[in-house]
């Protein structure tokens, strides 16, 4: 059965009312004299997101021009079309008012901010970028700010939050039209501090244009998205776009990878560094004080002596590093250290969907479901799992189809290196042959570790049952990739699927308890 619904675009409850001629002026364009009084109450980049009263933005794409779908947008309620010269004829044929401008992708953030008024009354804004750890940092940021007594908002890969309301996410960084609609809804809900997870694509595709963050953070950089960016240098250049005066007022960069040091100078904003290693001589130092099965206690301190000591229920030093970055960002944004320390003294109460999330009970093998899908994430998470496991570590994972095949062999080698048993299965095959994806992973793992137990099991429902049957009560299973997601993408169809539910069902079938 296919998933029929896509997570909805979050709009303000009170819709804006902007005349088409006023909007056109912002786009350095003009509309026909008969159309000047057309009222716009929203803006949408996808026909699926169009609501009555919207301006439909028609951009050129990989497989055609968005203007070719203007009729569909009008049927959904669009009252006008914004396009470029190449889409003008199709926009005219739709029968509704239209305006033509250039560089629409680059203008879209500013135009969306103008329509929704988000350029006027923004909350304190935090942005987080990097390869791994963005979601953890973002969720810890929001949880800490909430404990400090602030009304908070969040946009992450996993969820959107607006003053306690929770919505499912679709993209890590929504399109600019949707980002500003979300911020407008946050303003209505009296949000005082908002946290946005910012992807490389979000930056190079101008999805956060029109936003100036009070503080931005950088977690790390590792191999990912090379199908989009080609080289690590180009990938980093996409990330560092967040660290310039047009987008941010201040920044904090983790020195976990050497790329963080590249952000320290020459970006036009003050950027401080954070590290667990005293040899790095970072502006912010964090220290892990105590590691318990249920939480990790740590301290964050800057050169001026501002100190926050707290704990967080996260497994692994790398996740604690993300939490420490979050605290440094809060202090960098100007919140007093004593206020932060007092609010977090008893620990940070945070739930991060699908990040080393335990689905097993008090007895039996521990089963963790994780969203990690890179070799760096695998290594860190497997290391963390092994640190709390007395038996074997069993790894289960698959790779995305139609996405960055360059990283797959290294993912397989790292997974094999840091587990005792490796089981390869399917993830999102999309339009790629799942058998060929599995073959690439299995061959890379066996070539690197020919004597290790490496097994191929498909589909994932059978794979999780296989590994649970294989496990003893003191073993741990890490199922990496699906995390919190509730679907699989198979030939363009979103099929209902929950790794968390499947893992619990497998445990129950084999007589083991599960978590709630």
Protein backbone atom coordinates (compact mmCIF):
# COMPACT_ATOMS: atom_id res chain seq x y z
CA UNK A 1 0.00 0.00 0.00
CA UNK A 2 1.41 3.40 -0.95
CA UNK A 3 1.57 6.36 1.37
CA UNK A 4 -1.06 8.75 0.02
CA UNK A 5 -0.16 11.87 1.94
CA UNK A 6 2.99 13.95 1.98
CA UNK A 7 3.70 15.96 5.17
CA UNK A 8 1.74 19.19 4.73
CA UNK A 9 3.25 22.63 4.34
CA UNK A 10 2.74 24.56 7.57
CA UNK A 11 1.13 27.93 6.89
CA UNK A 12 0.20 30.84 9.15
CA UNK A 13 -3.39 30.66 10.35
CA UNK A 14 -3.96 34.29 9.37
CA UNK A 15 -3.07 34.54 5.72
CA UNK A 16 -1.25 37.59 4.35
CA UNK A 17 -2.93 39.80 1.76
CA UNK A 18 -0.47 41.27 -0.74
CA UNK A 19 -1.41 43.01 -3.99
CA UNK A 20 0.16 41.50 -7.09
CA UNK A 21 1.60 44.83 -8.23
CA UNK A 22 3.32 45.38 -4.87
CA UNK A 23 4.75 41.86 -5.01
CA UNK A 24 5.87 42.34 -8.61
CA UNK A 25 7.77 45.46 -7.63
CA UNK A 26 9.73 43.40 -5.11
CA UNK A 27 10.65 41.02 -7.94
CA UNK A 28 11.77 43.87 -10.22
CA UNK A 29 8.86 42.95 -12.50
CA UNK A 30 5.49 44.28 -13.53
CA UNK A 31 2.02 42.85 -14.05
CA UNK A 32 -0.72 43.80 -16.50
CA UNK A 33 -2.80 46.85 -15.55
CA UNK A 34 -5.94 44.73 -15.18
CA UNK A 35 -4.19 42.42 -12.70
CA UNK A 36 -2.67 44.86 -10.20
CA UNK A 37 -5.36 44.33 -7.56
CA UNK A 38 -5.08 40.52 -7.54
CA UNK A 39 -4.58 39.51 -3.92
CA UNK A 40 -1.96 36.92 -2.96
CA UNK A 41 -2.44 35.02 0.30
CA UNK A 42 0.41 32.54 -0.02
CA UNK A 43 3.23 31.29 -2.23
CA UNK A 44 4.06 27.76 -3.40
CA UNK A 45 6.82 26.15 -5.42
CA UNK A 46 5.11 22.77 -5.89
CA UNK A 47 1.65 22.12 -7.31
CA UNK A 48 1.09 19.69 -4.43
CA UNK A 49 1.60 22.55 -1.96
CA UNK A 50 -0.68 25.07 -3.71
CA UNK A 51 -3.59 26.41 -1.67
CA UNK A 52 -6.39 28.77 -2.82
CA UNK A 53 -5.06 32.31 -3.16
CA UNK A 54 -1.45 31.27 -3.77
CA UNK A 55 1.11 32.61 -6.17
CA UNK A 56 2.58 29.61 -8.00
CA UNK A 57 6.32 29.92 -8.62
CA UNK A 58 7.32 28.08 -11.80
CA UNK A 59 11.05 27.34 -12.05
CA UNK A 60 13.02 25.33 -14.60
CA UNK A 61 13.83 21.81 -13.40
CA UNK A 62 15.77 18.70 -14.41
CA UNK A 63 12.87 17.16 -16.30
CA UNK A 64 11.09 20.22 -17.65
CA UNK A 65 9.83 23.64 -16.68
CA UNK A 66 7.52 24.27 -13.76
CA UNK A 67 5.43 26.61 -15.91
CA UNK A 68 4.20 23.54 -17.80
CA UNK A 69 2.28 22.66 -14.63
CA UNK A 70 0.62 26.06 -14.27
CA UNK A 71 -2.79 24.64 -15.25
CA UNK A 72 -2.55 22.11 -12.43
CA UNK A 73 -1.59 24.88 -9.98
CA UNK A 74 -4.56 26.98 -11.10
CA UNK A 75 -6.88 24.00 -10.58
CA UNK A 76 -5.54 23.76 -7.03
CA UNK A 77 -6.38 27.43 -6.41
CA UNK A 78 -3.39 29.47 -7.59
CA UNK A 79 -4.47 33.00 -8.56
CA UNK A 80 -1.23 34.05 -10.29
CA UNK A 81 2.04 32.64 -11.64
CA UNK A 82 5.60 33.89 -11.20
CA UNK A 83 8.06 32.53 -13.75
CA UNK A 84 11.07 33.37 -15.92
CA UNK A 85 11.26 34.21 -19.60
CA UNK A 86 11.40 30.54 -20.59
CA UNK A 87 8.12 29.84 -18.80
CA UNK A 88 6.23 32.95 -19.93
CA UNK A 89 4.19 31.34 -22.72
CA UNK A 90 3.01 28.47 -20.50
CA UNK A 91 2.19 30.89 -17.66
CA UNK A 92 0.18 33.09 -20.02
CA UNK A 93 -1.76 30.03 -21.25
CA UNK A 94 -2.89 29.21 -17.71
CA UNK A 95 -5.38 32.08 -17.87
CA UNK A 96 -4.45 33.74 -14.56
CA UNK A 97 -2.30 36.85 -14.01
CA UNK A 98 1.43 36.24 -14.30
CA UNK A 99 4.68 38.09 -13.77
CA UNK A 100 8.09 37.39 -15.25
CA UNK A 101 11.42 37.92 -13.49
CA UNK A 102 14.95 36.57 -13.61
CA UNK A 103 17.09 34.69 -11.05
CA UNK A 104 13.95 33.35 -9.38
CA UNK A 105 15.79 30.78 -7.29
CA UNK A 106 18.00 33.53 -5.87
CA UNK A 107 15.05 35.86 -5.28
CA UNK A 108 12.68 33.32 -3.73
CA UNK A 109 13.79 33.65 -0.11
CA UNK A 110 13.50 37.43 -0.09
CA UNK A 111 10.16 37.35 -1.90
CA UNK A 112 8.77 34.75 0.52
CA UNK A 113 9.99 36.82 3.48
CA UNK A 114 8.24 39.87 2.01
CA UNK A 115 4.94 38.07 1.43
CA UNK A 116 4.82 36.51 4.92
CA UNK A 117 6.42 39.46 6.72
CA UNK A 118 9.11 37.30 8.30
CA UNK A 119 11.76 39.94 7.60
CA UNK A 120 10.19 42.16 10.29
CA UNK A 121 9.58 40.21 13.50
CA UNK A 122 11.88 37.20 13.52
CA UNK A 123 12.58 35.30 16.76
CA UNK A 124 16.16 34.62 17.84
CA UNK A 125 17.35 32.33 15.04
CA UNK A 126 19.78 29.39 15.25
CA UNK A 127 21.07 27.46 12.22
CA UNK A 128 23.03 24.20 12.26
CA UNK A 129 24.98 22.70 9.35
CA UNK A 130 27.52 19.90 8.87
CA UNK A 131 27.43 16.31 7.62
CA UNK A 132 26.53 14.41 10.79
CA UNK A 133 25.05 15.64 14.04
CA UNK A 134 22.85 18.43 12.67
CA UNK A 135 19.63 16.86 13.91
CA UNK A 136 21.03 16.04 17.34
CA UNK A 137 22.43 19.55 17.77
CA UNK A 138 19.17 21.13 16.61
CA UNK A 139 17.00 19.07 18.96
CA UNK A 140 19.31 19.67 21.93
CA UNK A 141 19.29 23.39 21.15
CA UNK A 142 15.52 23.53 21.16
CA UNK A 143 15.20 21.40 24.31
CA UNK A 144 17.70 23.58 26.20
CA UNK A 145 16.03 26.81 25.10
CA UNK A 146 12.66 25.43 26.16
CA UNK A 147 14.05 24.50 29.60
CA UNK A 148 15.27 28.09 29.88
CA UNK A 149 11.62 29.17 29.70
CA UNK A 150 11.48 30.27 26.05
CA UNK A 151 8.72 29.53 23.57
CA UNK A 152 10.54 27.54 20.89
CA UNK A 153 10.30 26.36 17.31
CA UNK A 154 12.27 23.74 15.40
CA UNK A 155 12.77 22.56 11.84
CA UNK A 156 14.88 19.39 11.55
CA UNK A 157 15.19 16.34 9.32
CA UNK A 158 12.92 14.49 11.73
CA UNK A 159 10.27 16.96 12.87
CA UNK A 160 8.92 20.50 12.90
CA UNK A 161 7.97 21.98 16.30
CA UNK A 162 5.89 25.09 16.96
CA UNK A 163 5.36 25.91 20.65
CA UNK A 164 4.82 22.26 21.53
CA UNK A 165 2.98 21.23 18.37
CA UNK A 166 4.82 18.49 16.43
CA UNK A 167 4.68 17.88 12.67
CA UNK A 168 6.42 15.32 10.46
CA UNK A 169 9.23 16.63 8.25
CA UNK A 170 9.79 15.99 4.56
CA UNK A 171 13.06 17.72 3.61
CA UNK A 172 15.96 18.52 5.94
CA UNK A 173 15.66 22.15 4.84
CA UNK A 174 12.28 23.02 3.28
CA UNK A 175 12.03 25.20 0.20
CA UNK A 176 12.27 28.94 0.86
CA UNK A 177 8.52 29.36 0.34
CA UNK A 178 7.83 26.76 3.03
CA UNK A 179 10.54 27.96 5.43
CA UNK A 180 9.04 31.45 5.56
CA UNK A 181 5.49 30.11 5.89
CA UNK A 182 6.74 28.05 8.85
CA UNK A 183 8.41 31.09 10.43
CA UNK A 184 5.22 33.09 9.98
CA UNK A 185 3.29 30.38 11.81
CA UNK A 186 5.93 30.45 14.56
CA UNK A 187 5.48 34.19 14.89
CA UNK A 188 1.73 33.69 15.37
CA UNK A 189 2.51 31.14 18.10
CA UNK A 190 4.74 33.71 19.89
CA UNK A 191 7.92 31.66 19.32
CA UNK A 192 10.90 33.45 20.88
CA UNK A 193 13.73 31.22 19.62
CA UNK A 194 13.76 29.03 16.51
CA UNK A 195 16.25 26.37 15.40
CA UNK A 196 16.71 25.34 11.75
CA UNK A 197 18.74 22.42 10.47
CA UNK A 198 20.46 23.64 7.31
CA UNK A 199 21.65 21.22 4.63
CA UNK A 200 24.21 21.86 1.90
CA UNK A 201 21.39 21.67 -0.66
CA UNK A 202 19.40 24.12 1.44
CA UNK A 203 22.24 26.61 1.07
CA UNK A 204 23.14 26.12 -2.59
CA UNK A 205 19.45 26.04 -3.56
CA UNK A 206 18.80 29.29 -1.63
CA UNK A 207 16.24 27.70 0.73
CA UNK A 208 17.29 29.81 3.74
CA UNK A 209 17.62 33.08 1.84
CA UNK A 210 15.84 35.93 3.57
CA UNK A 211 16.90 34.69 7.03
CA UNK A 212 19.68 36.16 9.17
CA UNK A 213 20.61 33.75 11.94
CA UNK A 214 21.72 35.11 15.29
CA UNK A 215 24.09 32.16 15.69
CA UNK A 216 25.06 29.32 13.36
CA UNK A 217 26.91 26.11 14.17
CA UNK A 218 29.06 23.66 12.21
CA UNK A 219 29.31 20.04 13.40
CA UNK A 220 31.75 18.25 11.05
CA UNK A 221 32.34 17.24 7.44
CA UNK A 222 32.67 13.72 6.06
CA UNK A 223 32.05 11.97 2.74
CA UNK A 224 28.48 12.54 1.60
CA UNK A 225 26.56 14.10 -1.31
CA UNK A 226 29.52 13.87 -3.68
CA UNK A 227 27.02 13.03 -6.41
CA UNK A 228 25.85 16.63 -6.03
CA UNK A 229 29.12 18.40 -5.21
CA UNK A 230 31.86 16.29 -6.79
CA UNK A 231 34.64 16.97 -4.28
CA UNK A 232 34.92 17.46 -0.54
CA UNK A 233 36.17 20.99 -1.15
CA UNK A 234 33.05 21.92 -3.14
CA UNK A 235 30.85 20.22 -0.53
CA UNK A 236 32.52 22.28 2.21
CA UNK A 237 32.11 25.47 0.20
CA UNK A 238 28.35 24.78 0.18
CA UNK A 239 28.34 24.45 3.97
CA UNK A 240 30.42 27.56 4.61
CA UNK A 241 27.83 29.70 2.80
CA UNK A 242 26.05 29.78 6.16
CA UNK A 243 28.98 31.63 7.73
CA UNK A 244 28.74 35.02 6.06
CA UNK A 245 27.21 38.35 7.13
CA UNK A 246 24.21 38.01 4.80
CA UNK A 247 23.15 34.86 6.64
CA UNK A 248 24.51 35.03 10.20
CA UNK A 249 25.70 37.36 12.94
CA UNK A 250 27.99 34.87 14.75
CA UNK A 251 29.08 31.25 14.56
CA UNK A 252 30.56 28.32 16.47
CA UNK A 253 32.59 25.68 14.61
CA UNK A 254 33.45 22.25 15.97
CA UNK A 255 37.06 21.17 15.44
CA UNK A 256 35.98 17.51 15.33
CA UNK A 257 37.14 17.48 11.70
CA UNK A 258 39.83 19.74 10.23
CA UNK A 259 37.20 21.53 8.16
CA UNK A 260 36.01 23.42 11.23
CA UNK A 261 39.29 25.32 11.47
CA UNK A 262 38.67 26.66 7.95
CA UNK A 263 35.70 28.62 9.27
CA UNK A 264 37.63 30.55 11.90
CA UNK A 265 38.72 33.51 9.77
CA UNK A 266 37.79 35.40 6.64
CA UNK A 267 34.03 35.03 6.80
CA UNK A 268 33.03 38.49 7.99
CA UNK A 269 31.38 37.31 11.21
CA UNK A 270 32.90 36.35 14.59
CA UNK A 271 33.39 32.58 14.72
CA UNK A 272 34.59 30.69 17.79
CA UNK A 273 35.77 27.08 18.00
CA UNK A 274 34.83 24.15 20.25
CA UNK A 275 36.71 20.92 20.95
CA UNK A 276 37.05 18.12 23.47
CA UNK A 277 40.80 18.06 22.87
CA UNK A 278 42.75 20.57 24.97
CA UNK A 279 45.54 20.47 22.40
CA UNK A 280 43.25 22.24 19.91
CA UNK A 281 43.29 25.36 22.13
CA UNK A 282 39.66 26.00 21.18
CA UNK A 283 37.61 28.96 22.40
CA UNK A 284 35.13 26.51 23.91
CA UNK A 285 36.23 23.34 25.64
CA UNK A 286 33.96 20.49 26.64
CA UNK A 287 34.81 17.62 28.93
CA UNK A 288 32.97 14.34 29.48
CA UNK A 289 32.72 13.89 33.24
CA UNK A 290 30.79 10.63 33.63
CA UNK A 291 29.35 8.02 31.27
CA UNK A 292 26.40 5.98 32.51
CA UNK A 293 24.15 3.58 30.56
CA UNK A 294 21.29 6.06 30.80
CA UNK A 295 23.11 9.41 30.34
CA UNK A 296 26.42 11.23 29.92
CA UNK A 297 27.45 14.11 32.16
CA UNK A 298 29.67 16.80 30.65
CA UNK A 299 30.93 20.35 31.09
CA UNK A 300 31.23 23.21 28.58
CA UNK A 301 33.48 26.19 29.33
CA UNK A 302 34.86 29.17 27.38
CA UNK A 303 38.03 31.20 27.79
CA UNK A 304 36.21 33.76 29.96
CA UNK A 305 35.31 31.03 32.44
CA UNK A 306 31.59 30.81 31.60
CA UNK A 307 30.66 27.24 32.53
CA UNK A 308 27.65 24.99 32.02
CA UNK A 309 27.61 21.51 33.54
CA UNK A 310 24.78 19.19 32.59
CA UNK A 311 23.88 15.71 31.32
CA UNK A 312 22.08 14.28 28.33
CA UNK A 313 20.55 10.87 27.63
CA UNK A 314 22.61 10.22 24.51
CA UNK A 315 24.89 7.31 23.66
CA UNK A 316 28.34 8.15 22.29
CA UNK A 317 30.96 10.86 22.61
CA UNK A 318 30.02 12.22 19.17
CA UNK A 319 26.47 12.95 20.30
CA UNK A 320 27.76 14.64 23.45
CA UNK A 321 29.92 16.81 21.16
CA UNK A 322 26.73 17.86 19.37
CA UNK A 323 25.09 18.73 22.69
CA UNK A 324 28.15 20.75 23.74
CA UNK A 325 28.03 22.66 20.45
CA UNK A 326 24.38 23.48 21.13
CA UNK A 327 25.23 24.97 24.53
CA UNK A 328 28.09 27.04 23.09
CA UNK A 329 25.71 28.39 20.44
CA UNK A 330 23.16 29.45 23.06
CA UNK A 331 25.79 31.36 25.01
CA UNK A 332 27.20 32.87 21.80
CA UNK A 333 23.73 34.17 20.94
CA UNK A 334 23.86 36.24 24.12
CA UNK A 335 21.95 34.25 26.74
CA UNK A 336 23.62 34.62 30.18
CA UNK A 337 25.73 31.67 31.28
CA UNK A 338 24.18 31.61 34.76
CA UNK A 339 20.67 31.38 33.27
CA UNK A 340 21.72 28.53 30.99
CA UNK A 341 23.59 26.69 33.75
CA UNK A 342 20.66 26.94 36.17
CA UNK A 343 18.15 25.71 33.59
CA UNK A 344 20.28 22.71 32.55
CA UNK A 345 21.76 21.72 35.91
CA UNK A 346 19.44 18.73 36.20
CA UNK A 347 20.13 17.55 32.64
CA UNK A 348 18.76 18.25 29.17
CA UNK A 349 15.40 16.60 28.59
CA UNK A 350 15.55 15.79 24.88
CA UNK A 351 14.16 13.09 22.59
CA UNK A 352 15.81 12.74 19.20
CA UNK A 353 13.79 10.51 16.86
CA UNK A 354 15.80 7.72 15.28
CA UNK A 355 19.20 8.66 16.68
CA UNK A 356 20.65 5.53 18.33
CA UNK A 357 17.11 4.95 19.56
CA UNK A 358 16.66 1.85 21.72
CA UNK A 359 13.54 -0.19 20.92
CA UNK A 360 14.41 -3.18 23.13
CA UNK A 361 13.39 -3.88 26.71
CA UNK A 362 15.20 -4.62 29.95
CA UNK A 363 16.11 -8.19 28.94
CA UNK A 364 17.49 -9.66 25.75
CA UNK A 365 19.66 -8.15 23.02
CA UNK A 366 19.73 -4.37 22.78
CA UNK A 367 18.36 -3.14 19.46
CA UNK A 368 19.14 0.38 18.31
CA UNK A 369 17.55 2.06 15.28
CA UNK A 370 19.58 4.90 13.83
CA UNK A 371 19.27 7.40 10.97
CA UNK A 372 23.02 7.43 10.22
CA UNK A 373 23.81 6.84 6.55
CA UNK A 374 27.50 7.66 6.12
CA UNK A 375 30.74 5.87 6.97
CA UNK A 376 31.62 8.48 9.59
CA UNK A 377 28.25 8.08 11.30
CA UNK A 378 28.61 4.29 11.21
CA UNK A 379 32.03 4.35 12.85
CA UNK A 380 31.00 6.68 15.66
CA UNK A 381 27.72 4.95 16.41
CA UNK A 382 29.19 1.43 16.31
CA UNK A 383 31.97 2.58 18.65
CA UNK A 384 29.38 3.99 21.03
CA UNK A 385 27.28 0.82 20.93
CA UNK A 386 30.32 -1.39 21.56
CA UNK A 387 31.26 0.68 24.61
CA UNK A 388 28.07 -0.44 26.37
CA UNK A 389 27.90 -4.01 24.99
CA UNK A 390 29.43 -7.06 26.67
CA UNK A 391 28.57 -9.43 23.81
CA UNK A 392 28.71 -9.15 20.03
CA UNK A 393 27.78 -6.09 17.94
CA UNK A 394 25.63 -6.98 14.94
CA UNK A 395 25.22 -4.39 12.19
CA UNK A 396 22.25 -4.22 9.80
CA UNK A 397 22.06 -1.64 7.04
CA UNK A 398 21.28 -0.86 3.41
CA UNK A 399 22.12 2.05 1.13
CA UNK A 400 20.02 4.64 -0.71
CA UNK A 401 19.29 4.05 -4.37
CA UNK A 402 19.81 6.89 -6.86
CA UNK A 403 22.01 8.64 -4.28
CA UNK A 404 25.79 9.03 -4.07
CA UNK A 405 27.07 5.52 -4.97
CA UNK A 406 30.63 6.73 -4.30
CA UNK A 407 30.17 6.46 -0.54
CA UNK A 408 28.72 2.94 -0.49
CA UNK A 409 31.96 0.88 -0.48
CA UNK A 410 33.40 2.87 2.42
CA UNK A 411 30.13 2.53 4.35
CA UNK A 412 30.35 -1.25 3.92
CA UNK A 413 34.03 -1.41 4.91
CA UNK A 414 33.49 0.67 8.05
CA UNK A 415 30.39 -1.31 9.02
CA UNK A 416 32.33 -4.57 8.69
CA UNK A 417 35.37 -3.21 10.53
CA UNK A 418 33.41 -2.15 13.61
CA UNK A 419 30.90 -4.99 13.91
CA UNK A 420 31.24 -8.69 14.68
CA UNK A 421 28.52 -9.72 12.21
CA UNK A 422 27.36 -7.63 9.25
CA UNK A 423 23.99 -8.10 7.56
CA UNK A 424 23.28 -6.20 4.33
CA UNK A 425 19.68 -5.47 3.35
CA UNK A 426 17.65 -2.87 1.43
CA UNK A 427 16.92 0.76 2.28
CA UNK A 428 15.32 3.21 -0.21
CA UNK A 429 16.00 1.56 -3.60
CA UNK A 430 14.07 4.29 -5.44
CA UNK A 431 14.45 3.49 -9.16
CA UNK A 432 17.71 1.58 -8.77
CA UNK A 433 17.89 -2.22 -8.69
CA UNK A 434 18.10 -3.16 -4.98
CA UNK A 435 20.03 -6.34 -5.76
CA UNK A 436 22.82 -4.35 -7.42
CA UNK A 437 23.03 -2.01 -4.40
CA UNK A 438 23.34 -4.96 -2.03
CA UNK A 439 25.94 -6.59 -4.28
CA UNK A 440 28.13 -3.48 -4.21
CA UNK A 441 27.98 -3.35 -0.41
CA UNK A 442 28.59 -7.07 0.11
CA UNK A 443 31.54 -7.17 -2.30
CA UNK A 444 33.21 -4.17 -0.64
CA UNK A 445 32.77 -5.61 2.85
CA UNK A 446 33.98 -9.11 1.90
CA UNK A 447 36.97 -7.77 0.00
CA UNK A 448 38.08 -5.82 3.08
CA UNK A 449 37.21 -8.56 5.63
CA UNK A 450 37.09 -11.94 3.83
CA UNK A 451 36.94 -13.97 7.04
CA UNK A 452 34.19 -11.99 8.76
CA UNK A 453 30.57 -13.16 8.86
CA UNK A 454 28.86 -11.01 6.21
CA UNK A 455 25.33 -11.98 5.16
CA UNK A 456 22.88 -10.61 2.60
CA UNK A 457 19.19 -10.76 3.54
CA UNK A 458 16.28 -9.13 1.69
CA UNK A 459 13.75 -7.65 2.31
CA UNK A 460 14.39 -5.67 5.53
CA UNK A 461 11.46 -7.38 7.28
CA UNK A 462 13.30 -10.70 6.89
CA UNK A 463 16.67 -9.14 7.73
CA UNK A 464 15.65 -7.79 11.14
CA UNK A 465 14.04 -11.13 12.00
CA UNK A 466 17.28 -12.86 10.97
CA UNK A 467 19.51 -10.72 13.17
CA UNK A 468 17.22 -10.93 16.21
CA UNK A 469 17.18 -14.71 15.87
CA UNK A 470 20.98 -14.62 15.62
CA UNK A 471 21.48 -12.44 18.72
CA UNK A 472 22.07 -13.54 22.29
CA UNK A 473 20.81 -11.66 25.31
CA UNK A 474 24.08 -9.77 25.83
CA UNK A 475 24.49 -8.79 22.16
CA UNK A 476 23.59 -5.47 20.53
CA UNK A 477 22.02 -4.85 17.11
CA UNK A 478 22.46 -1.55 15.28
CA UNK A 479 20.02 -1.04 12.41
CA UNK A 480 21.36 2.01 10.61
CA UNK A 481 19.68 4.06 7.90
CA UNK A 482 15.90 4.15 8.39
CA UNK A 483 15.85 5.76 11.85
CA UNK A 484 12.59 7.60 12.45
CA UNK A 485 11.32 7.40 8.87
CA UNK A 486 7.89 5.87 8.31
CA UNK A 487 8.21 4.89 4.64
CA UNK A 488 10.46 3.32 2.01
CA UNK A 489 10.85 4.88 -1.43
CA UNK A 490 10.35 2.08 -3.99
CA UNK A 491 10.12 3.18 -7.62
CA UNK A 492 8.80 6.60 -6.61
CA UNK A 493 6.13 5.22 -4.27
CA UNK A 494 6.30 5.91 -0.54
CA UNK A 495 5.44 2.56 1.04
CA UNK A 496 4.49 2.51 4.76
CA UNK A 497 7.38 1.15 6.76
CA UNK A 498 8.75 1.59 10.27
CA UNK A 499 12.07 0.11 11.31
CA UNK A 500 11.17 0.77 14.94
CA UNK A 501 7.91 -1.20 14.64
CA UNK A 502 9.56 -4.03 12.67
CA UNK A 503 12.34 -4.35 15.24
CA UNK A 504 9.85 -4.51 18.11
CA UNK A 505 7.78 -7.12 16.28
CA UNK A 506 10.89 -9.25 15.67
CA UNK A 507 11.89 -9.03 19.32
CA UNK A 508 8.40 -10.05 20.43
CA UNK A 509 8.32 -13.00 18.01
CA UNK A 510 11.53 -14.29 19.55
CA UNK A 511 10.26 -13.85 23.10
CA UNK A 512 12.09 -10.65 24.06
CA UNK A 513 10.49 -7.57 25.64
CA UNK A 514 10.50 -4.16 23.93
CA UNK A 515 10.43 -0.52 24.94
CA UNK A 516 7.21 1.48 24.82
